[in-house]
């Protein structure tokens, strides 16, 4: 893990679970084109 103090404070299990959730959210975010992106970016490609 990147920060020993956080692991010490929250515990290894929590940090691993939180990191896995955030990585999944990050990947899913880039799988979807938002209505704003469709409207303003796709029309100018």
C-alpha atoms as a PDB file:
ATOM      1  CA  UNK A   1       0.000   0.000   0.000  1.00  0.00           C
ATOM      2  CA  UNK A   2       1.061   3.558  -0.578  1.00  0.00           C
ATOM      3  CA  UNK A   3       0.535   5.006   2.894  1.00  0.00           C
ATOM      4  CA  UNK A   4       1.495   3.027   5.977  1.00  0.00           C
ATOM      5  CA  UNK A   5      -0.358   5.428   8.287  1.00  0.00           C
ATOM      6  CA  UNK A   6      -3.670   4.761   6.526  1.00  0.00           C
ATOM      7  CA  UNK A   7      -3.143   1.012   6.690  1.00  0.00           C
ATOM      8  CA  UNK A   8      -2.354   1.337  10.380  1.00  0.00           C
ATOM      9  CA  UNK A   9      -5.407   3.515  11.002  1.00  0.00           C
ATOM     10  CA  UNK A  10      -8.026   1.663   8.931  1.00  0.00           C
ATOM     11  CA  UNK A  11      -6.529  -1.810   8.557  1.00  0.00           C
ATOM     12  CA  UNK A  12      -5.266  -3.735   5.559  1.00  0.00           C
ATOM     13  CA  UNK A  13      -8.641  -5.297   4.688  1.00  0.00           C
ATOM     14  CA  UNK A  14     -10.442  -1.934   4.538  1.00  0.00           C
ATOM     15  CA  UNK A  15      -7.719  -0.336   2.386  1.00  0.00           C
ATOM     16  CA  UNK A  16      -7.700  -3.267  -0.069  1.00  0.00           C
ATOM     17  CA  UNK A  17     -11.496  -3.263  -0.324  1.00  0.00           C
ATOM     18  CA  UNK A  18     -11.704   0.510  -0.739  1.00  0.00           C
ATOM     19  CA  UNK A  19      -8.965   0.464  -3.402  1.00  0.00           C
ATOM     20  CA  UNK A  20     -10.719  -2.309  -5.337  1.00  0.00           C
ATOM     21  CA  UNK A  21     -14.013  -0.395  -5.285  1.00  0.00           C
ATOM     22  CA  UNK A  22     -12.373   2.838  -6.461  1.00  0.00           C
ATOM     23  CA  UNK A  23     -10.468   1.072  -9.254  1.00  0.00           C
ATOM     24  CA  UNK A  24     -13.723  -0.475 -10.475  1.00  0.00           C
ATOM     25  CA  UNK A  25     -15.508   2.891 -10.351  1.00  0.00           C
ATOM     26  CA  UNK A  26     -12.634   4.500 -12.283  1.00  0.00           C
ATOM     27  CA  UNK A  27     -12.738   1.849 -15.043  1.00  0.00           C
ATOM     28  CA  UNK A  28     -16.547   2.009 -15.303  1.00  0.00           C
ATOM     29  CA  UNK A  29     -16.461   5.815 -15.535  1.00  0.00           C
ATOM     30  CA  UNK A  30     -14.380   5.631 -18.716  1.00  0.00           C
ATOM     31  CA  UNK A  31     -16.626   2.940 -20.245  1.00  0.00           C
ATOM     32  CA  UNK A  32     -19.571   5.342 -20.500  1.00  0.00           C
ATOM     33  CA  UNK A  33     -19.886   8.386 -22.736  1.00  0.00           C
ATOM     34  CA  UNK A  34     -21.814  11.070 -20.903  1.00  0.00           C
ATOM     35  CA  UNK A  35     -24.574  13.101 -22.590  1.00  0.00           C
ATOM     36  CA  UNK A  36     -22.306  16.175 -22.393  1.00  0.00           C
ATOM     37  CA  UNK A  37     -19.466  14.331 -24.143  1.00  0.00           C
ATOM     38  CA  UNK A  38     -21.851  13.101 -26.818  1.00  0.00           C
ATOM     39  CA  UNK A  39     -23.254  16.557 -27.416  1.00  0.00           C
ATOM     40  CA  UNK A  40     -20.090  18.662 -27.347  1.00  0.00           C
ATOM     41  CA  UNK A  41     -17.213  16.348 -28.219  1.00  0.00           C
ATOM     42  CA  UNK A  42     -18.484  13.707 -30.623  1.00  0.00           C
ATOM     43  CA  UNK A  43     -19.928  16.328 -32.949  1.00  0.00           C
ATOM     44  CA  UNK A  44     -16.470  17.906 -33.370  1.00  0.00           C
ATOM     45  CA  UNK A  45     -14.420  14.802 -34.173  1.00  0.00           C
END
